[in-house]
Amino acid sequence: MAVEHESDTALCWLQVEAHHFCACPNEDVRQCVIYDSDKPNARLIGLEYIISSKLFEGLPEEEKIYWHSHKYEVQSGTLQVCETTCNTAPMPAVEFAVV
């Protein structure tokens, strides 16, 4: 998965394989554990909360700096969404996440 950091163009081409396994407490929030592969010996490399654009826009400005957009992954096609077991509607295409 390509990672985009608008504030640091040196990292724009950093390639990271990241497999997200997410719980869906509601239609605007995903709680994800991130592994470096989908193999049985995969290493846990992160935790991420993903929220909808609607929730992001409601955050205080001082908190928004801790979140990053998934817009690049969606538009570039590097984000592959597998079937979900969530019982909620799919989230909007542009999501924001905090690690």
N, C-alpha and C. Protein backbone atom coordinates (compact mmCIF):
# COMPACT_ATOMS: atom_id res chain seq x y z
N MET A 1 0.85 -1.17 0.00
CA MET A 1 0.00 0.00 0.00
C MET A 1 0.90 1.23 0.00
N ALA A 2 0.67 2.15 -0.87
CA ALA A 2 1.43 3.39 -0.89
C ALA A 2 0.91 4.31 0.20
N VAL A 3 1.83 5.03 0.81
CA VAL A 3 1.45 5.93 1.90
C VAL A 3 1.71 7.35 1.46
N GLU A 4 0.75 8.23 1.63
CA GLU A 4 0.91 9.62 1.25
C GLU A 4 0.97 10.48 2.50
N HIS A 5 1.96 11.35 2.54
CA HIS A 5 2.08 12.33 3.62
C HIS A 5 2.22 13.68 2.96
N GLU A 6 1.17 14.49 3.03
CA GLU A 6 1.19 15.78 2.35
C GLU A 6 2.27 16.70 2.90
N SER A 7 2.62 16.56 4.19
CA SER A 7 3.59 17.46 4.79
C SER A 7 5.03 17.04 4.53
N ASP A 8 5.25 15.83 3.99
CA ASP A 8 6.61 15.36 3.77
C ASP A 8 6.69 14.64 2.43
N THR A 9 7.01 15.38 1.38
CA THR A 9 7.03 14.79 0.05
C THR A 9 8.08 13.71 -0.10
N ALA A 10 9.08 13.67 0.75
CA ALA A 10 10.10 12.62 0.67
C ALA A 10 9.50 11.25 0.95
N LEU A 11 8.40 11.19 1.67
CA LEU A 11 7.79 9.91 2.01
C LEU A 11 6.68 9.50 1.04
N CYS A 12 6.40 10.30 0.04
CA CYS A 12 5.27 10.01 -0.85
C CYS A 12 5.40 8.68 -1.56
N TRP A 13 6.58 8.20 -1.78
CA TRP A 13 6.77 6.96 -2.53
C TRP A 13 7.10 5.78 -1.64
N LEU A 14 7.01 5.94 -0.35
CA LEU A 14 7.25 4.85 0.59
C LEU A 14 6.22 3.76 0.37
N GLN A 15 6.66 2.54 0.17
CA GLN A 15 5.76 1.42 -0.04
C GLN A 15 5.70 0.56 1.22
N VAL A 16 4.50 0.32 1.68
CA VAL A 16 4.29 -0.48 2.88
C VAL A 16 3.18 -1.47 2.59
N GLU A 17 3.45 -2.75 2.81
CA GLU A 17 2.38 -3.74 2.71
C GLU A 17 1.67 -3.76 4.04
N ALA A 18 0.40 -3.47 4.03
CA ALA A 18 -0.35 -3.37 5.28
C ALA A 18 -1.71 -4.04 5.11
N HIS A 19 -1.94 -5.06 5.90
CA HIS A 19 -3.21 -5.79 5.85
C HIS A 19 -4.04 -5.37 7.05
N HIS A 20 -5.15 -4.71 6.79
CA HIS A 20 -6.03 -4.20 7.84
C HIS A 20 -7.14 -5.21 8.12
N PHE A 21 -7.33 -5.50 9.38
CA PHE A 21 -8.45 -6.33 9.83
C PHE A 21 -9.24 -5.46 10.79
N CYS A 22 -10.48 -5.14 10.40
CA CYS A 22 -11.21 -4.08 11.09
C CYS A 22 -12.51 -4.56 11.72
N ALA A 23 -12.81 -3.97 12.86
CA ALA A 23 -14.12 -4.08 13.49
C ALA A 23 -14.88 -2.83 13.12
N CYS A 24 -16.19 -2.93 13.08
CA CYS A 24 -17.04 -1.83 12.61
C CYS A 24 -18.09 -1.49 13.66
N PRO A 25 -17.73 -0.69 14.65
CA PRO A 25 -18.71 -0.37 15.69
C PRO A 25 -19.91 0.43 15.20
N ASN A 26 -19.73 1.21 14.12
CA ASN A 26 -20.85 1.93 13.52
C ASN A 26 -20.46 2.35 12.10
N GLU A 27 -21.36 3.01 11.40
CA GLU A 27 -21.12 3.33 9.98
C GLU A 27 -20.04 4.37 9.75
N ASP A 28 -19.61 5.07 10.79
CA ASP A 28 -18.59 6.12 10.63
C ASP A 28 -17.23 5.76 11.21
N VAL A 29 -17.09 4.60 11.84
CA VAL A 29 -15.85 4.26 12.53
C VAL A 29 -15.43 2.82 12.20
N ARG A 30 -14.13 2.66 11.93
CA ARG A 30 -13.51 1.35 11.81
C ARG A 30 -12.35 1.30 12.79
N GLN A 31 -12.22 0.19 13.51
CA GLN A 31 -11.10 -0.03 14.42
C GLN A 31 -10.28 -1.16 13.83
N CYS A 32 -9.03 -0.88 13.45
CA CYS A 32 -8.25 -1.85 12.68
C CYS A 32 -6.95 -2.24 13.36
N VAL A 33 -6.61 -3.52 13.25
CA VAL A 33 -5.26 -3.99 13.57
C VAL A 33 -4.59 -4.18 12.22
N ILE A 34 -3.31 -3.87 12.15
CA ILE A 34 -2.59 -3.89 10.88
C ILE A 34 -1.42 -4.87 10.99
N TYR A 35 -1.35 -5.79 10.02
CA TYR A 35 -0.28 -6.78 9.95
C TYR A 35 0.54 -6.57 8.69
N ASP A 36 1.79 -7.06 8.70
CA ASP A 36 2.68 -6.88 7.55
C ASP A 36 2.44 -7.90 6.44
N SER A 37 1.57 -8.86 6.64
CA SER A 37 1.19 -9.81 5.59
C SER A 37 -0.12 -10.48 6.00
N ASP A 38 -0.59 -11.34 5.13
CA ASP A 38 -1.80 -12.11 5.46
C ASP A 38 -1.45 -13.56 5.78
N LYS A 39 -0.19 -13.81 6.08
CA LYS A 39 0.31 -15.15 6.39
C LYS A 39 0.17 -15.45 7.90
N PRO A 40 0.17 -16.72 8.28
CA PRO A 40 0.04 -17.08 9.70
C PRO A 40 1.13 -16.48 10.61
N ASN A 41 2.32 -16.21 10.06
CA ASN A 41 3.41 -15.64 10.86
C ASN A 41 3.51 -14.13 10.74
N ALA A 42 2.44 -13.48 10.30
CA ALA A 42 2.44 -12.01 10.13
C ALA A 42 2.72 -11.32 11.46
N ARG A 43 3.42 -10.19 11.34
CA ARG A 43 3.72 -9.38 12.52
C ARG A 43 2.72 -8.22 12.62
N LEU A 44 2.27 -7.96 13.83
CA LEU A 44 1.42 -6.80 14.09
C LEU A 44 2.29 -5.56 13.96
N ILE A 45 1.89 -4.64 13.06
CA ILE A 45 2.71 -3.44 12.84
C ILE A 45 1.97 -2.15 13.19
N GLY A 46 0.70 -2.27 13.57
CA GLY A 46 0.01 -1.05 13.94
C GLY A 46 -1.45 -1.24 14.28
N LEU A 47 -2.01 -0.20 14.84
CA LEU A 47 -3.43 -0.10 15.14
C LEU A 47 -3.90 1.20 14.50
N GLU A 48 -5.09 1.20 13.97
CA GLU A 48 -5.56 2.40 13.29
C GLU A 48 -7.07 2.56 13.49
N TYR A 49 -7.47 3.77 13.75
CA TYR A 49 -8.89 4.12 13.77
C TYR A 49 -9.17 4.87 12.48
N ILE A 50 -10.18 4.45 11.76
CA ILE A 50 -10.56 5.10 10.51
C ILE A 50 -11.96 5.69 10.72
N ILE A 51 -12.09 6.97 10.39
CA ILE A 51 -13.39 7.64 10.55
C ILE A 51 -13.82 8.26 9.23
N SER A 52 -15.10 8.50 9.11
CA SER A 52 -15.65 9.11 7.90
C SER A 52 -15.25 10.59 7.82
N SER A 53 -15.40 11.12 6.62
CA SER A 53 -15.15 12.56 6.42
C SER A 53 -16.06 13.39 7.31
N LYS A 54 -17.29 12.93 7.48
CA LYS A 54 -18.26 13.66 8.33
C LYS A 54 -17.73 13.81 9.76
N LEU A 55 -17.21 12.74 10.34
CA LEU A 55 -16.66 12.84 11.70
C LEU A 55 -15.40 13.68 11.72
N PHE A 56 -14.55 13.51 10.70
CA PHE A 56 -13.30 14.28 10.65
C PHE A 56 -13.59 15.78 10.64
N GLU A 57 -14.54 16.20 9.84
CA GLU A 57 -14.87 17.62 9.74
C GLU A 57 -15.36 18.19 11.07
N GLY A 58 -15.91 17.35 11.93
CA GLY A 58 -16.40 17.80 13.23
C GLY A 58 -15.34 17.85 14.32
N LEU A 59 -14.12 17.38 14.02
CA LEU A 59 -13.04 17.40 15.01
C LEU A 59 -12.52 18.82 15.23
N PRO A 60 -12.03 19.12 16.44
CA PRO A 60 -11.36 20.41 16.65
C PRO A 60 -10.12 20.51 15.76
N GLU A 61 -9.82 21.69 15.28
CA GLU A 61 -8.67 21.88 14.38
C GLU A 61 -7.38 21.33 14.98
N GLU A 62 -7.18 21.50 16.29
CA GLU A 62 -5.94 21.04 16.91
C GLU A 62 -5.82 19.52 16.93
N GLU A 63 -6.91 18.80 16.79
CA GLU A 63 -6.86 17.33 16.73
C GLU A 63 -6.67 16.83 15.30
N LYS A 64 -7.10 17.58 14.32
CA LYS A 64 -7.02 17.14 12.93
C LYS A 64 -5.58 16.87 12.48
N ILE A 65 -4.61 17.52 13.09
CA ILE A 65 -3.21 17.32 12.69
C ILE A 65 -2.73 15.90 12.96
N TYR A 66 -3.42 15.16 13.82
CA TYR A 66 -3.03 13.79 14.14
C TYR A 66 -3.62 12.76 13.20
N TRP A 67 -4.45 13.17 12.27
CA TRP A 67 -5.15 12.27 11.35
C TRP A 67 -4.57 12.41 9.95
N HIS A 68 -4.64 11.34 9.16
CA HIS A 68 -4.19 11.39 7.76
C HIS A 68 -5.29 10.85 6.86
N SER A 69 -5.29 11.32 5.64
CA SER A 69 -6.30 10.94 4.67
C SER A 69 -5.93 9.63 3.98
N HIS A 70 -6.93 8.89 3.57
CA HIS A 70 -6.73 7.70 2.75
C HIS A 70 -7.07 8.01 1.29
N LYS A 71 -7.18 9.29 0.97
CA LYS A 71 -7.57 9.71 -0.38
C LYS A 71 -6.62 9.15 -1.44
N TYR A 72 -5.31 9.20 -1.18
CA TYR A 72 -4.33 8.72 -2.16
C TYR A 72 -4.53 7.24 -2.45
N GLU A 73 -4.67 6.43 -1.40
CA GLU A 73 -4.84 5.00 -1.57
C GLU A 73 -6.10 4.67 -2.37
N VAL A 74 -7.17 5.42 -2.11
CA VAL A 74 -8.43 5.19 -2.81
C VAL A 74 -8.29 5.58 -4.28
N GLN A 75 -7.79 6.78 -4.55
CA GLN A 75 -7.71 7.28 -5.92
C GLN A 75 -6.67 6.56 -6.77
N SER A 76 -5.58 6.08 -6.15
CA SER A 76 -4.52 5.42 -6.91
C SER A 76 -4.83 3.95 -7.20
N GLY A 77 -5.82 3.41 -6.51
CA GLY A 77 -6.15 2.01 -6.70
C GLY A 77 -5.32 1.07 -5.86
N THR A 78 -4.46 1.60 -4.99
CA THR A 78 -3.64 0.73 -4.15
C THR A 78 -4.42 0.18 -2.96
N LEU A 79 -5.55 0.79 -2.66
CA LEU A 79 -6.40 0.29 -1.58
C LEU A 79 -7.32 -0.77 -2.15
N GLN A 80 -7.21 -1.96 -1.63
CA GLN A 80 -8.08 -3.05 -2.06
C GLN A 80 -8.98 -3.41 -0.90
N VAL A 81 -10.27 -3.32 -1.12
CA VAL A 81 -11.23 -3.59 -0.07
C VAL A 81 -11.79 -4.99 -0.27
N CYS A 82 -11.63 -5.82 0.73
CA CYS A 82 -12.17 -7.17 0.68
C CYS A 82 -13.60 -7.15 1.20
N GLU A 83 -14.29 -8.25 1.02
CA GLU A 83 -15.63 -8.35 1.58
C GLU A 83 -15.56 -8.08 3.07
N THR A 84 -16.53 -7.38 3.56
CA THR A 84 -16.54 -7.03 4.98
C THR A 84 -17.59 -7.84 5.72
N THR A 85 -17.32 -8.08 6.96
CA THR A 85 -18.31 -8.75 7.80
C THR A 85 -19.09 -7.73 8.62
N CYS A 86 -18.86 -6.46 8.32
CA CYS A 86 -19.55 -5.40 9.05
C CYS A 86 -21.03 -5.40 8.68
N ASN A 87 -21.85 -5.17 9.66
CA ASN A 87 -23.29 -5.10 9.42
C ASN A 87 -23.76 -3.68 9.13
N THR A 88 -22.81 -2.78 8.87
CA THR A 88 -23.16 -1.39 8.61
C THR A 88 -22.90 -1.06 7.16
N ALA A 89 -23.43 0.06 6.71
CA ALA A 89 -23.21 0.50 5.33
C ALA A 89 -21.74 0.84 5.12
N PRO A 90 -21.24 0.72 3.87
CA PRO A 90 -19.86 1.08 3.59
C PRO A 90 -19.59 2.55 3.89
N MET A 91 -18.36 2.83 4.27
CA MET A 91 -17.99 4.21 4.56
C MET A 91 -17.77 4.96 3.26
N PRO A 92 -17.85 6.30 3.32
CA PRO A 92 -17.56 7.11 2.13
C PRO A 92 -16.15 6.84 1.62
N ALA A 93 -15.89 7.17 0.35
CA ALA A 93 -14.62 6.86 -0.29
C ALA A 93 -13.41 7.52 0.38
N VAL A 94 -13.56 8.72 0.87
CA VAL A 94 -12.43 9.41 1.50
C VAL A 94 -12.57 9.27 3.01
N GLU A 95 -11.59 8.61 3.61
CA GLU A 95 -11.62 8.36 5.04
C GLU A 95 -10.38 8.98 5.67
N PHE A 96 -10.43 9.19 6.97
CA PHE A 96 -9.31 9.74 7.70
C PHE A 96 -8.94 8.77 8.80
N ALA A 97 -7.64 8.63 9.04
CA ALA A 97 -7.20 7.64 10.02
C ALA A 97 -6.15 8.23 10.95
N VAL A 98 -6.11 7.68 12.14
CA VAL A 98 -5.08 8.01 13.11
C VAL A 98 -4.46 6.72 13.58
N VAL A 99 -3.16 6.73 13.72
CA VAL A 99 -2.43 5.53 14.15
C VAL A 99 -2.06 5.69 15.60
